[in-house]
Amino acid sequence: MRAVQVPYPNGPFELVERPTPEPGNGEVRITVQACGVCHSDASAKEGSYPGIAYPIVPGHEVAGVIDALGPGVVDWRVGQRVGVGWFGGQCGHCDNCRRGAFMACRHPQIPGVTRDGGYAEAMVVSARALAAIPDDLSTLDAAPMLCAGVTTYNALTRAGLRAGDLVAVLGVGGLGHLAIQFAARMGLRTVAVSRGRDKEALARELGAGHYIDSEAEDIAAALGAMGGARAIISTVTGAAPLNASVDGLTFDGRLMVLGVPHEPIEVPAYLLLRGRSIQGSAGGTAIEAEAAMAFALLSGAAPVIETLPLEHAAEAYERMMTSGARFRMVLTTGL
């Protein structure tokens, strides 16, 4: 099979021929048809995740079909459409798994990080990681839903929101454009926050009823004038918008951190003593990914994507890292 691998930390993307992997006990092999390119792929490219064994094939937004079952796999069949995200299965025996917190497993299997992922024509993964793709959802749309989609969907469902609540989305990018769609379709008063006015028309088209230009307006003051946000969904990688927005929360509001700022988040303690909170929200399990895909299909939410063939993985990754994509890059094989 063809695969794109990273030979060593910060090494180049290499298109190589590899033996097609065979599934072991409790595993399946997937014929990869589409694989989203995610900012977290930098973990493999740059070697920032501890213990990565190189060479490594990145990719954890995978959509395709099962083409082989390993011993002990039940309830899945060859030819079934499935997807895999950052969640590649849990160990089942650590204290977090015993509590049912599978995303916090102390020995996670992460496609494209702890084992080879979806920048390839085929991959092997634990059957525990499989999410069934709805019949009416396209493969290209499904791929980004396995990470970006479930991440934003879960953040909104975990924030304790009710229809009619005000929610602000920081950033109109790969995560933000999905968060805006989900929020609006959940019946939430949705505010998009971004630098400049360039993305205002698009944000409103996606479902935002309000838009804040963070370069020209005080985010917290603008949210306060609307009555305050019950939640702020932060998808940005800079800490400044987070720091500037917390005072725009209601007394019991939550700042949900999805993007990973490079700088520390600095919030005066008195803002939190009023009942506000800051909470991280990363990814989701296979069954949660199925819920996100089902809601997207039901509500008409969909990722905005650009596609490139597998051999152009380096170009797709560069466009993603430099914010040149509108809004998710998807690598295709066999479509």
Protein backbone atom coordinates (compact mmCIF):
# COMPACT_ATOMS: atom_id res chain seq x y z
CA MET A 1 0.00 0.00 0.00
CA ARG A 2 0.98 3.66 -0.33
CA ALA A 3 1.46 5.68 2.81
CA VAL A 4 2.82 9.07 3.79
CA GLN A 5 5.16 8.85 6.75
CA VAL A 6 7.29 11.16 8.88
CA PRO A 7 10.73 9.51 9.29
CA TYR A 8 11.84 11.45 12.38
CA PRO A 9 10.74 14.50 14.41
CA ASN A 10 10.41 17.54 12.11
CA GLY A 11 11.29 15.33 9.19
CA PRO A 12 9.72 15.64 5.73
CA PHE A 13 6.56 13.88 4.62
CA GLU A 14 7.62 10.84 2.58
CA LEU A 15 5.38 8.94 0.16
CA VAL A 16 6.42 5.30 0.55
CA GLU A 17 5.32 1.77 -0.26
CA ARG A 18 4.61 -0.35 2.83
CA PRO A 19 3.28 -3.84 3.40
CA THR A 20 -0.47 -3.75 3.96
CA PRO A 21 -0.94 -4.28 7.72
CA GLU A 22 -2.88 -7.23 9.12
CA PRO A 23 -5.34 -6.77 11.97
CA GLY A 24 -4.57 -8.45 15.27
CA ASN A 25 -6.89 -9.65 17.99
CA GLY A 26 -9.79 -7.22 18.45
CA GLU A 27 -8.67 -5.08 15.49
CA VAL A 28 -9.95 -4.29 12.02
CA ARG A 29 -8.28 -3.07 8.86
CA ILE A 30 -9.84 -0.09 7.14
CA THR A 31 -9.48 0.85 3.50
CA VAL A 32 -8.97 4.58 3.92
CA GLN A 33 -10.99 6.71 1.53
CA ALA A 34 -10.56 10.12 3.18
CA CYS A 35 -8.44 11.50 6.00
CA GLY A 36 -8.75 14.98 7.43
CA VAL A 37 -5.66 17.03 8.17
CA CYS A 38 -5.81 18.32 11.74
CA HIS A 39 -3.63 20.74 13.71
CA SER A 40 -2.98 17.90 16.15
CA ASP A 41 -1.09 16.10 13.36
CA ALA A 42 1.74 18.38 14.41
CA SER A 43 2.20 16.00 17.36
CA ALA A 44 3.61 13.44 14.95
CA LYS A 45 5.26 15.86 12.54
CA GLU A 46 7.15 17.72 15.25
CA GLY A 47 7.57 14.92 17.78
CA SER A 48 5.81 16.85 20.55
CA TYR A 49 3.91 13.82 21.89
CA PRO A 50 6.10 11.68 24.17
CA GLY A 51 7.23 8.26 23.06
CA ILE A 52 6.39 8.38 19.34
CA ALA A 53 8.05 5.53 17.43
CA TYR A 54 9.35 6.71 14.07
CA PRO A 55 8.73 6.44 11.21
CA ILE A 56 5.07 7.25 11.88
CA VAL A 57 2.10 7.62 9.53
CA PRO A 58 0.01 10.61 10.77
CA GLY A 59 -3.74 11.06 10.49
CA HIS A 60 -6.68 10.66 12.87
CA GLU A 61 -9.73 11.91 10.92
CA VAL A 62 -10.29 8.73 8.97
CA ALA A 63 -13.29 7.63 6.93
CA GLY A 64 -13.44 4.43 4.91
CA VAL A 65 -14.69 0.86 4.88
CA ILE A 66 -13.73 -2.24 6.83
CA ASP A 67 -11.86 -4.71 4.61
CA ALA A 68 -10.64 -7.27 7.18
CA LEU A 69 -11.60 -8.39 10.70
CA GLY A 70 -9.13 -9.65 13.26
CA PRO A 71 -9.89 -12.49 15.69
CA GLY A 72 -12.46 -11.68 18.37
CA VAL A 73 -14.18 -8.81 16.52
CA VAL A 74 -17.97 -8.92 16.79
CA ASP A 75 -20.80 -6.68 15.59
CA TRP A 76 -18.77 -5.24 12.70
CA ARG A 77 -18.68 -6.52 9.12
CA VAL A 78 -16.45 -6.31 6.08
CA GLY A 79 -17.67 -3.55 3.74
CA GLN A 80 -19.18 -1.44 6.53
CA ARG A 81 -18.55 2.31 6.39
CA VAL A 82 -16.69 3.45 9.50
CA GLY A 83 -14.65 6.32 10.85
CA VAL A 84 -11.91 6.76 13.44
CA GLY A 85 -10.82 9.91 15.27
CA TRP A 86 -8.24 10.87 17.90
CA PHE A 87 -9.81 8.21 20.12
CA GLY A 88 -8.25 4.96 18.93
CA GLY A 89 -9.36 2.76 21.80
CA GLN A 90 -8.85 2.50 25.54
CA CYS A 91 -6.80 0.10 27.65
CA GLY A 92 -9.81 -0.75 29.82
CA HIS A 93 -7.84 -1.32 33.02
CA CYS A 94 -6.41 2.04 34.18
CA ASP A 95 -8.23 3.98 36.88
CA ASN A 96 -9.71 6.45 34.37
CA CYS A 97 -11.06 3.66 32.16
CA ARG A 98 -12.54 1.96 35.23
CA ARG A 99 -14.43 5.20 35.87
CA GLY A 100 -15.67 5.22 32.27
CA ALA A 101 -13.49 8.20 31.29
CA PHE A 102 -12.13 6.56 28.14
CA MET A 103 -10.87 9.80 26.60
CA ALA A 104 -8.62 10.16 29.66
CA CYS A 105 -7.19 6.63 29.34
CA ARG A 106 -3.64 6.55 30.69
CA HIS A 107 -2.54 4.21 27.89
CA PRO A 108 -4.37 5.59 24.85
CA GLN A 109 -4.19 4.30 21.32
CA ILE A 110 -4.05 7.39 19.12
CA PRO A 111 -4.11 6.88 15.34
CA GLY A 112 -1.26 8.76 13.73
CA VAL A 113 0.52 9.30 17.07
CA THR A 114 0.94 6.11 19.11
CA ARG A 115 0.34 3.92 16.04
CA ASP A 116 0.15 4.46 12.29
CA GLY A 117 -2.81 6.51 11.13
CA GLY A 118 -4.79 7.50 8.09
CA TYR A 119 -2.31 9.17 5.73
CA ALA A 120 -2.33 5.83 3.92
CA GLU A 121 -4.42 3.57 1.73
CA ALA A 122 -5.11 1.26 4.68
CA MET A 123 -4.73 1.25 8.45
CA VAL A 124 -5.33 -1.07 11.40
CA VAL A 125 -7.22 0.09 14.48
CA SER A 126 -8.93 -1.34 17.54
CA ALA A 127 -12.57 -2.21 16.92
CA ARG A 128 -13.33 -0.19 20.08
CA ALA A 129 -12.48 2.96 18.13
CA LEU A 130 -14.93 2.46 15.28
CA ALA A 131 -17.75 4.91 14.64
CA ALA A 132 -20.41 3.86 12.14
CA ILE A 133 -20.89 6.46 9.41
CA PRO A 134 -24.55 7.21 8.58
CA ASP A 135 -25.63 6.05 5.14
CA ASP A 136 -26.58 9.56 3.99
CA LEU A 137 -23.38 11.26 5.17
CA SER A 138 -20.70 11.58 2.51
CA THR A 139 -17.27 10.12 3.19
CA LEU A 140 -15.61 13.50 2.62
CA ASP A 141 -17.88 15.21 5.14
CA ALA A 142 -17.52 12.35 7.62
CA ALA A 143 -13.72 12.57 7.91
CA PRO A 144 -13.51 15.98 9.66
CA MET A 145 -16.47 15.06 11.84
CA LEU A 146 -14.37 12.35 13.54
CA CYS A 147 -12.22 14.98 15.29
CA ALA A 148 -13.20 18.60 14.60
CA GLY A 149 -16.88 17.72 14.52
CA VAL A 150 -17.08 15.66 17.70
CA THR A 151 -14.79 18.11 19.52
CA THR A 152 -17.05 21.10 18.90
CA TYR A 153 -20.27 19.13 19.33
CA ASN A 154 -19.14 17.75 22.69
CA ALA A 155 -18.01 21.16 23.93
CA LEU A 156 -21.48 22.57 23.32
CA THR A 157 -23.27 19.62 24.92
CA ARG A 158 -20.95 19.68 27.95
CA ALA A 159 -21.37 23.40 28.56
CA GLY A 160 -24.79 23.06 30.17
CA LEU A 161 -26.51 25.16 27.54
CA ARG A 162 -30.22 25.42 26.83
CA ALA A 163 -32.03 26.67 23.75
CA GLY A 164 -32.05 30.46 23.74
CA ASP A 165 -28.78 30.82 25.66
CA LEU A 166 -26.08 33.10 24.28
CA VAL A 167 -22.89 31.33 23.18
CA ALA A 168 -19.78 32.93 21.68
CA VAL A 169 -17.39 31.11 19.38
CA LEU A 170 -13.83 32.44 19.36
CA GLY A 171 -12.35 31.88 15.92
CA VAL A 172 -13.97 31.17 12.56
CA GLY A 173 -11.67 28.42 11.32
CA GLY A 174 -11.44 24.64 11.14
CA LEU A 175 -13.14 24.14 14.51
CA GLY A 176 -15.00 27.43 14.78
CA HIS A 177 -16.96 27.13 11.55
CA LEU A 178 -18.42 23.85 12.81
CA ALA A 179 -19.07 25.20 16.32
CA ILE A 180 -21.07 28.09 14.83
CA GLN A 181 -23.22 25.73 12.77
CA PHE A 182 -23.86 23.35 15.65
CA ALA A 183 -24.66 26.15 18.09
CA ALA A 184 -27.13 27.84 15.77
CA ARG A 185 -28.84 24.54 14.97
CA MET A 186 -29.14 23.74 18.68
CA GLY A 187 -31.27 26.85 19.07
CA LEU A 188 -28.55 28.94 20.71
CA ARG A 189 -28.05 32.67 20.17
CA THR A 190 -24.71 32.46 18.43
CA VAL A 191 -21.96 35.08 18.38
CA ALA A 192 -18.91 34.68 16.17
CA VAL A 193 -15.70 36.40 17.28
CA SER A 194 -12.78 36.91 14.92
CA ARG A 195 -10.12 39.45 13.96
CA GLY A 196 -11.28 41.98 11.38
CA ARG A 197 -14.47 41.91 9.36
CA ASP A 198 -13.28 39.54 6.62
CA LYS A 199 -15.17 36.54 7.99
CA GLU A 200 -18.32 38.30 9.12
CA ALA A 201 -20.43 37.47 6.07
CA LEU A 202 -19.39 33.82 6.19
CA ALA A 203 -20.01 33.58 9.94
CA ARG A 204 -23.52 34.92 9.49
CA GLU A 205 -24.09 32.53 6.59
CA LEU A 206 -23.06 29.65 8.88
CA GLY A 207 -25.64 30.71 11.44
CA ALA A 208 -24.13 33.42 13.65
CA GLY A 209 -26.67 36.06 14.63
CA HIS A 210 -23.98 38.45 15.92
CA TYR A 211 -20.36 39.17 15.02
CA ILE A 212 -17.61 40.77 17.11
CA ASP A 213 -14.44 42.14 15.54
CA SER A 214 -11.85 41.49 18.26
CA GLU A 215 -9.49 44.06 16.75
CA ALA A 216 -12.01 46.90 16.95
CA GLU A 217 -14.22 45.90 19.91
CA ASP A 218 -13.84 44.86 23.53
CA ILE A 219 -15.02 41.24 23.46
CA ALA A 220 -16.18 41.14 27.07
CA ALA A 221 -17.99 44.47 26.84
CA ALA A 222 -19.72 43.47 23.62
CA LEU A 223 -20.89 40.17 25.13
CA GLY A 224 -21.97 41.96 28.29
CA ALA A 225 -24.11 44.34 26.25
CA MET A 226 -25.94 41.29 24.91
CA GLY A 227 -26.60 40.02 28.43
CA GLY A 228 -23.50 37.88 28.79
CA ALA A 229 -22.60 34.51 27.30
CA ARG A 230 -23.51 31.29 29.07
CA ALA A 231 -20.56 29.73 27.28
CA ILE A 232 -17.59 30.78 25.21
CA ILE A 233 -16.25 28.09 22.86
CA SER A 234 -12.60 28.91 22.22
CA THR A 235 -11.09 27.38 19.09
CA VAL A 236 -8.13 29.76 18.75
CA THR A 237 -4.44 29.07 19.41
CA GLY A 238 -3.65 32.43 21.03
CA ALA A 239 -4.37 33.23 24.67
CA ALA A 240 -5.22 36.92 24.19
CA PRO A 241 -8.83 36.43 22.98
CA LEU A 242 -9.50 34.04 25.87
CA ASN A 243 -8.13 36.47 28.42
CA ALA A 244 -10.15 39.30 26.88
CA SER A 245 -13.44 37.43 26.82
CA VAL A 246 -13.89 35.85 30.27
CA ASP A 247 -15.56 38.91 31.78
CA GLY A 248 -18.22 38.60 29.06
CA LEU A 249 -19.54 35.39 30.65
CA THR A 250 -22.67 35.29 32.78
CA PHE A 251 -22.13 34.65 36.50
CA ASP A 252 -22.25 30.87 35.93
CA GLY A 253 -20.78 30.87 32.44
CA ARG A 254 -18.09 28.54 31.14
CA LEU A 255 -15.09 29.14 28.96
CA MET A 256 -14.64 25.91 26.98
CA VAL A 257 -11.06 25.56 25.71
CA LEU A 258 -10.74 23.51 22.51
CA GLY A 259 -7.77 25.13 20.78
CA VAL A 260 -4.40 25.00 22.51
CA PRO A 261 -2.93 28.48 23.09
CA HIS A 262 0.84 28.71 22.95
CA GLU A 263 0.86 31.14 25.89
CA PRO A 264 -0.60 30.75 29.40
CA ILE A 265 -4.23 31.70 29.96
CA GLU A 266 -4.19 34.59 32.44
CA VAL A 267 -7.50 35.36 34.14
CA PRO A 268 -7.92 37.50 37.30
CA ALA A 269 -9.16 35.22 40.09
CA TYR A 270 -12.03 37.52 41.03
CA LEU A 271 -13.66 36.80 37.66
CA LEU A 272 -13.85 33.12 38.59
CA LEU A 273 -15.05 33.74 42.14
CA ARG A 274 -18.31 34.94 40.61
CA GLY A 275 -19.06 31.35 39.58
CA ARG A 276 -17.46 31.34 36.16
CA SER A 277 -15.28 28.43 35.17
CA ILE A 278 -12.69 27.38 32.60
CA GLN A 279 -12.94 23.85 31.23
CA GLY A 280 -10.97 21.90 28.65
CA SER A 281 -12.85 19.79 26.11
CA ALA A 282 -10.95 17.55 23.72
CA GLY A 283 -12.29 15.12 21.16
CA GLY A 284 -14.72 12.34 21.93
CA THR A 285 -15.22 8.60 21.95
CA ALA A 286 -16.52 6.58 19.03
CA ILE A 287 -20.13 6.64 20.24
CA GLU A 288 -19.90 10.42 20.74
CA ALA A 289 -18.58 10.78 17.19
CA GLU A 290 -21.64 8.87 15.99
CA ALA A 291 -23.86 11.32 17.88
CA ALA A 292 -22.08 14.29 16.28
CA MET A 293 -22.46 12.84 12.79
CA ALA A 294 -26.12 12.04 13.40
CA PHE A 295 -26.82 15.60 14.56
CA ALA A 296 -24.94 17.07 11.61
CA LEU A 297 -27.00 14.98 9.22
CA LEU A 298 -30.26 15.83 10.99
CA SER A 299 -29.58 19.57 11.19
CA GLY A 300 -27.78 20.14 7.88
CA ALA A 301 -24.46 21.17 9.45
CA ALA A 302 -21.46 20.27 7.32
CA PRO A 303 -17.73 20.96 7.25
CA VAL A 304 -16.36 23.31 4.62
CA ILE A 305 -13.55 21.32 3.04
CA GLU A 306 -10.87 21.32 0.38
CA THR A 307 -9.48 18.05 -0.93
CA LEU A 308 -6.08 16.93 -2.16
CA PRO A 309 -4.85 13.45 -3.11
CA LEU A 310 -2.72 11.51 -0.61
CA GLU A 311 0.54 12.31 -2.40
CA HIS A 312 -0.04 16.01 -1.68
CA ALA A 313 -0.10 15.53 2.11
CA ALA A 314 2.77 17.98 2.63
CA GLU A 315 0.88 20.73 0.80
CA ALA A 316 -2.33 20.00 2.71
CA TYR A 317 -0.49 20.08 6.04
CA GLU A 318 1.24 23.36 5.20
CA ARG A 319 -2.04 25.00 4.18
CA MET A 320 -3.63 23.86 7.41
CA MET A 321 -0.76 25.07 9.60
CA THR A 322 -0.66 28.48 7.93
CA SER A 323 -4.46 28.93 8.09
CA GLY A 324 -4.63 28.85 4.31
CA ALA A 325 -7.44 26.28 4.16
CA ARG A 326 -11.17 27.04 4.06
CA PHE A 327 -11.59 25.30 6.47
CA ARG A 328 -10.56 21.64 6.66
CA MET A 329 -8.12 19.90 4.33
CA VAL A 330 -9.03 16.31 3.47
CA LEU A 331 -6.70 13.81 1.81
CA THR A 332 -8.38 11.36 -0.55
CA THR A 333 -7.50 7.82 -1.58
CA GLY A 334 -9.66 5.66 -3.79
CA LEU A 335 -12.60 8.08 -4.08
